[in-house]
C-alpha atoms as a PDB file:
ATOM      1  CA  UNK A   1     -15.558   7.719 -16.807  1.00  0.00           C
ATOM      2  CA  UNK A   2     -11.936   8.686 -16.019  1.00  0.00           C
ATOM      3  CA  UNK A   3     -11.025  12.012 -16.264  1.00  0.00           C
ATOM      4  CA  UNK A   4      -7.399  12.902 -17.795  1.00  0.00           C
ATOM      5  CA  UNK A   5      -5.431  16.119 -16.637  1.00  0.00           C
ATOM      6  CA  UNK A   6      -2.160  16.945 -18.325  1.00  0.00           C
ATOM      7  CA  UNK A   7       0.718  19.175 -18.017  1.00  0.00           C
ATOM      8  CA  UNK A   8       3.966  19.385 -20.027  1.00  0.00           C
ATOM      9  CA  UNK A   9       7.825  20.539 -19.479  1.00  0.00           C
ATOM     10  CA  UNK A  10      10.358  21.908 -21.646  1.00  0.00           C
ATOM     11  CA  UNK A  11      13.745  21.671 -20.435  1.00  0.00           C
ATOM     12  CA  UNK A  12      16.931  23.433 -21.617  1.00  0.00           C
ATOM     13  CA  UNK A  13      20.503  22.801 -20.599  1.00  0.00           C
ATOM     14  CA  UNK A  14      21.853  20.569 -17.697  1.00  0.00           C
ATOM     15  CA  UNK A  15      20.119  20.391 -14.376  1.00  0.00           C
ATOM     16  CA  UNK A  16      22.549  22.518 -12.430  1.00  0.00           C
ATOM     17  CA  UNK A  17      22.358  25.479 -14.784  1.00  0.00           C
ATOM     18  CA  UNK A  18      19.332  24.614 -16.979  1.00  0.00           C
ATOM     19  CA  UNK A  19      16.074  25.705 -16.550  1.00  0.00           C
ATOM     20  CA  UNK A  20      12.613  24.730 -17.658  1.00  0.00           C
ATOM     21  CA  UNK A  21       9.103  25.865 -18.372  1.00  0.00           C
ATOM     22  CA  UNK A  22       5.950  23.608 -17.142  1.00  0.00           C
ATOM     23  CA  UNK A  23       2.657  24.437 -18.664  1.00  0.00           C
ATOM     24  CA  UNK A  24      -0.476  23.086 -17.325  1.00  0.00           C
ATOM     25  CA  UNK A  25      -3.364  21.759 -19.545  1.00  0.00           C
ATOM     26  CA  UNK A  26      -5.298  24.908 -18.901  1.00  0.00           C
ATOM     27  CA  UNK A  27      -2.926  27.165 -20.130  1.00  0.00           C
ATOM     28  CA  UNK A  28      -0.893  28.184 -16.937  1.00  0.00           C
ATOM     29  CA  UNK A  29       2.626  28.163 -17.229  1.00  0.00           C
ATOM     30  CA  UNK A  30       5.440  27.940 -14.528  1.00  0.00           C
ATOM     31  CA  UNK A  31       9.077  28.728 -15.058  1.00  0.00           C
ATOM     32  CA  UNK A  32      11.487  25.842 -13.432  1.00  0.00           C
ATOM     33  CA  UNK A  33      15.151  25.769 -11.964  1.00  0.00           C
ATOM     34  CA  UNK A  34      17.077  23.119 -10.009  1.00  0.00           C
ATOM     35  CA  UNK A  35      18.422  26.344  -7.591  1.00  0.00           C
ATOM     36  CA  UNK A  36      14.899  27.035  -7.015  1.00  0.00           C
ATOM     37  CA  UNK A  37      14.225  22.871  -6.299  1.00  0.00           C
ATOM     38  CA  UNK A  38      17.218  22.353  -4.285  1.00  0.00           C
ATOM     39  CA  UNK A  39      17.700  26.073  -2.638  1.00  0.00           C
ATOM     40  CA  UNK A  40      14.422  27.620  -2.494  1.00  0.00           C
ATOM     41  CA  UNK A  41      13.549  30.434  -4.742  1.00  0.00           C
ATOM     42  CA  UNK A  42      13.186  32.129  -8.032  1.00  0.00           C
ATOM     43  CA  UNK A  43      10.805  29.476  -9.668  1.00  0.00           C
ATOM     44  CA  UNK A  44       8.392  26.805  -9.114  1.00  0.00           C
ATOM     45  CA  UNK A  45       9.403  23.309  -8.312  1.00  0.00           C
ATOM     46  CA  UNK A  46       7.375  20.047  -8.880  1.00  0.00           C
ATOM     47  CA  UNK A  47       6.922  19.551  -5.011  1.00  0.00           C
ATOM     48  CA  UNK A  48       5.131  22.905  -5.375  1.00  0.00           C
ATOM     49  CA  UNK A  49       2.479  21.381  -7.868  1.00  0.00           C
ATOM     50  CA  UNK A  50       2.400  18.216  -5.248  1.00  0.00           C
ATOM     51  CA  UNK A  51       1.392  20.549  -2.776  1.00  0.00           C
ATOM     52  CA  UNK A  52      -1.339  22.156  -4.688  1.00  0.00           C
ATOM     53  CA  UNK A  53      -2.626  18.993  -5.688  1.00  0.00           C
ATOM     54  CA  UNK A  54      -2.273  17.437  -2.195  1.00  0.00           C
ATOM     55  CA  UNK A  55      -3.991  20.448  -0.585  1.00  0.00           C
ATOM     56  CA  UNK A  56      -6.833  20.509  -2.940  1.00  0.00           C
ATOM     57  CA  UNK A  57      -7.649  17.204  -3.233  1.00  0.00           C
ATOM     58  CA  UNK A  58      -7.641  17.150   0.620  1.00  0.00           C
ATOM     59  CA  UNK A  59     -10.131  20.010   0.743  1.00  0.00           C
ATOM     60  CA  UNK A  60     -12.425  18.520  -1.253  1.00  0.00           C
ATOM     61  CA  UNK A  61     -12.382  15.070   0.526  1.00  0.00           C
ATOM     62  CA  UNK A  62     -12.581  16.526   3.438  1.00  0.00           C
ATOM     63  CA  UNK A  63     -15.885  18.389   2.388  1.00  0.00           C
ATOM     64  CA  UNK A  64     -17.528  15.386   1.055  1.00  0.00           C
ATOM     65  CA  UNK A  65     -16.666  13.812   4.532  1.00  0.00           C
ATOM     66  CA  UNK A  66     -18.258  16.255   6.549  1.00  0.00           C
ATOM     67  CA  UNK A  67     -21.320  16.814   4.284  1.00  0.00           C
ATOM     68  CA  UNK A  68     -21.878  12.616   4.091  1.00  0.00           C
ATOM     69  CA  UNK A  69     -21.776  12.830   8.168  1.00  0.00           C
ATOM     70  CA  UNK A  70     -24.321  15.549   7.942  1.00  0.00           C
ATOM     71  CA  UNK A  71     -22.175  18.548   8.517  1.00  0.00           C
ATOM     72  CA  UNK A  72     -21.626  20.360   5.397  1.00  0.00           C
ATOM     73  CA  UNK A  73     -18.881  22.816   5.839  1.00  0.00           C
ATOM     74  CA  UNK A  74     -19.263  26.781   5.583  1.00  0.00           C
ATOM     75  CA  UNK A  75     -15.555  26.852   4.378  1.00  0.00           C
ATOM     76  CA  UNK A  76     -12.405  24.999   4.816  1.00  0.00           C
ATOM     77  CA  UNK A  77      -8.592  26.512   4.338  1.00  0.00           C
ATOM     78  CA  UNK A  78      -6.055  23.816   3.713  1.00  0.00           C
ATOM     79  CA  UNK A  79      -2.338  24.131   2.933  1.00  0.00           C
ATOM     80  CA  UNK A  80       0.396  21.670   2.289  1.00  0.00           C
ATOM     81  CA  UNK A  81       4.166  21.606   2.700  1.00  0.00           C
ATOM     82  CA  UNK A  82       5.771  18.977   0.556  1.00  0.00           C
ATOM     83  CA  UNK A  83       9.766  18.318   1.506  1.00  0.00           C
ATOM     84  CA  UNK A  84      12.331  17.418  -0.829  1.00  0.00           C
ATOM     85  CA  UNK A  85      15.780  16.397   0.350  1.00  0.00           C
ATOM     86  CA  UNK A  86      18.507  16.399  -2.881  1.00  0.00           C
ATOM     87  CA  UNK A  87      19.822  12.683  -2.942  1.00  0.00           C
ATOM     88  CA  UNK A  88      16.481  11.442  -1.001  1.00  0.00           C
ATOM     89  CA  UNK A  89      13.952  13.088  -2.789  1.00  0.00           C
ATOM     90  CA  UNK A  90      10.210  14.033  -1.671  1.00  0.00           C
ATOM     91  CA  UNK A  91      10.162  12.886   2.118  1.00  0.00           C
ATOM     92  CA  UNK A  92       6.952  14.380   3.545  1.00  0.00           C
ATOM     93  CA  UNK A  93       3.946  16.089   3.120  1.00  0.00           C
ATOM     94  CA  UNK A  94       2.152  18.254   5.869  1.00  0.00           C
ATOM     95  CA  UNK A  95      -1.645  19.126   5.422  1.00  0.00           C
ATOM     96  CA  UNK A  96      -2.948  21.693   7.815  1.00  0.00           C
ATOM     97  CA  UNK A  97      -6.641  22.569   8.045  1.00  0.00           C
ATOM     98  CA  UNK A  98      -8.914  24.776   9.791  1.00  0.00           C
ATOM     99  CA  UNK A  99     -12.777  24.999   8.615  1.00  0.00           C
ATOM    100  CA  UNK A 100     -15.960  26.778   9.762  1.00  0.00           C
ATOM    101  CA  UNK A 101     -18.398  23.730  10.262  1.00  0.00           C
ATOM    102  CA  UNK A 102     -21.709  24.122  11.997  1.00  0.00           C
ATOM    103  CA  UNK A 103     -23.352  21.801  14.346  1.00  0.00           C
ATOM    104  CA  UNK A 104     -20.087  20.069  14.930  1.00  0.00           C
ATOM    105  CA  UNK A 105     -17.108  20.251  18.009  1.00  0.00           C
ATOM    106  CA  UNK A 106     -13.098  20.116  17.654  1.00  0.00           C
ATOM    107  CA  UNK A 107     -12.893  16.357  18.098  1.00  0.00           C
ATOM    108  CA  UNK A 108     -15.632  15.400  15.432  1.00  0.00           C
ATOM    109  CA  UNK A 109     -13.552  18.031  13.050  1.00  0.00           C
ATOM    110  CA  UNK A 110     -10.173  16.373  13.900  1.00  0.00           C
ATOM    111  CA  UNK A 111     -11.677  12.472  13.131  1.00  0.00           C
ATOM    112  CA  UNK A 112     -13.004  13.320  10.271  1.00  0.00           C
ATOM    113  CA  UNK A 113      -9.922  15.771   8.936  1.00  0.00           C
ATOM    114  CA  UNK A 114      -7.560  12.510   9.946  1.00  0.00           C
ATOM    115  CA  UNK A 115     -10.334   9.880   8.008  1.00  0.00           C
ATOM    116  CA  UNK A 116      -9.940  12.476   4.697  1.00  0.00           C
ATOM    117  CA  UNK A 117      -6.595  12.023   4.943  1.00  0.00           C
ATOM    118  CA  UNK A 118      -6.466   8.488   4.416  1.00  0.00           C
ATOM    119  CA  UNK A 119      -9.218   8.710   1.763  1.00  0.00           C
ATOM    120  CA  UNK A 120      -7.849  11.553  -0.286  1.00  0.00           C
ATOM    121  CA  UNK A 121      -6.997  10.343  -3.730  1.00  0.00           C
ATOM    122  CA  UNK A 122      -3.768  12.397  -3.647  1.00  0.00           C
ATOM    123  CA  UNK A 123      -2.927  10.838   0.028  1.00  0.00           C
ATOM    124  CA  UNK A 124      -2.962   7.444  -1.681  1.00  0.00           C
ATOM    125  CA  UNK A 125      -0.961   8.230  -4.759  1.00  0.00           C
ATOM    126  CA  UNK A 126       1.538   9.440  -2.119  1.00  0.00           C
ATOM    127  CA  UNK A 127       1.615   6.547  -0.030  1.00  0.00           C
ATOM    128  CA  UNK A 128       5.003   6.370  -0.232  1.00  0.00           C
ATOM    129  CA  UNK A 129       5.943   9.380   1.680  1.00  0.00           C
ATOM    130  CA  UNK A 130       5.070  10.525   5.111  1.00  0.00           C
ATOM    131  CA  UNK A 131       1.905  12.528   5.416  1.00  0.00           C
ATOM    132  CA  UNK A 132       1.054  14.213   8.580  1.00  0.00           C
ATOM    133  CA  UNK A 133      -1.801  16.218   9.411  1.00  0.00           C
ATOM    134  CA  UNK A 134       0.106  19.106  11.276  1.00  0.00           C
ATOM    135  CA  UNK A 135      -3.556  20.976  12.801  1.00  0.00           C
ATOM    136  CA  UNK A 136      -7.131  20.291  12.050  1.00  0.00           C
ATOM    137  CA  UNK A 137      -8.608  23.440  13.808  1.00  0.00           C
ATOM    138  CA  UNK A 138     -12.448  23.921  13.892  1.00  0.00           C
ATOM    139  CA  UNK A 139     -13.168  27.982  13.763  1.00  0.00           C
ATOM    140  CA  UNK A 140     -15.926  29.370  16.064  1.00  0.00           C
END
């Protein structure tokens, strides 16, 4: 059975001086402006939502991969940085991950981290951009 998530956006005015609000299906709302998107600052951006989706999906994919390999993680810390260039669009998503995983070494952790990057459903949805794994660090 498919699970459907939703969000809506209300926009007022022209792109350059207008503003909007995006509301997630859970009820959380975020202000939007073109200035925040093109110049960094002041409001949320579509890329921030994509980064949140990528970081959270990737953490779940890596947790699953580690558990399937017999190394259930105690904790994972994942972030994503999604880049937007006006005129070009979304260009990259850079994932960073560290974790505390008993019974595994750094090489194994990095291997599972790379595999999870490819298997993550959001990574697959973002196949049109470059996806990097900047660091995969096993905490001791």
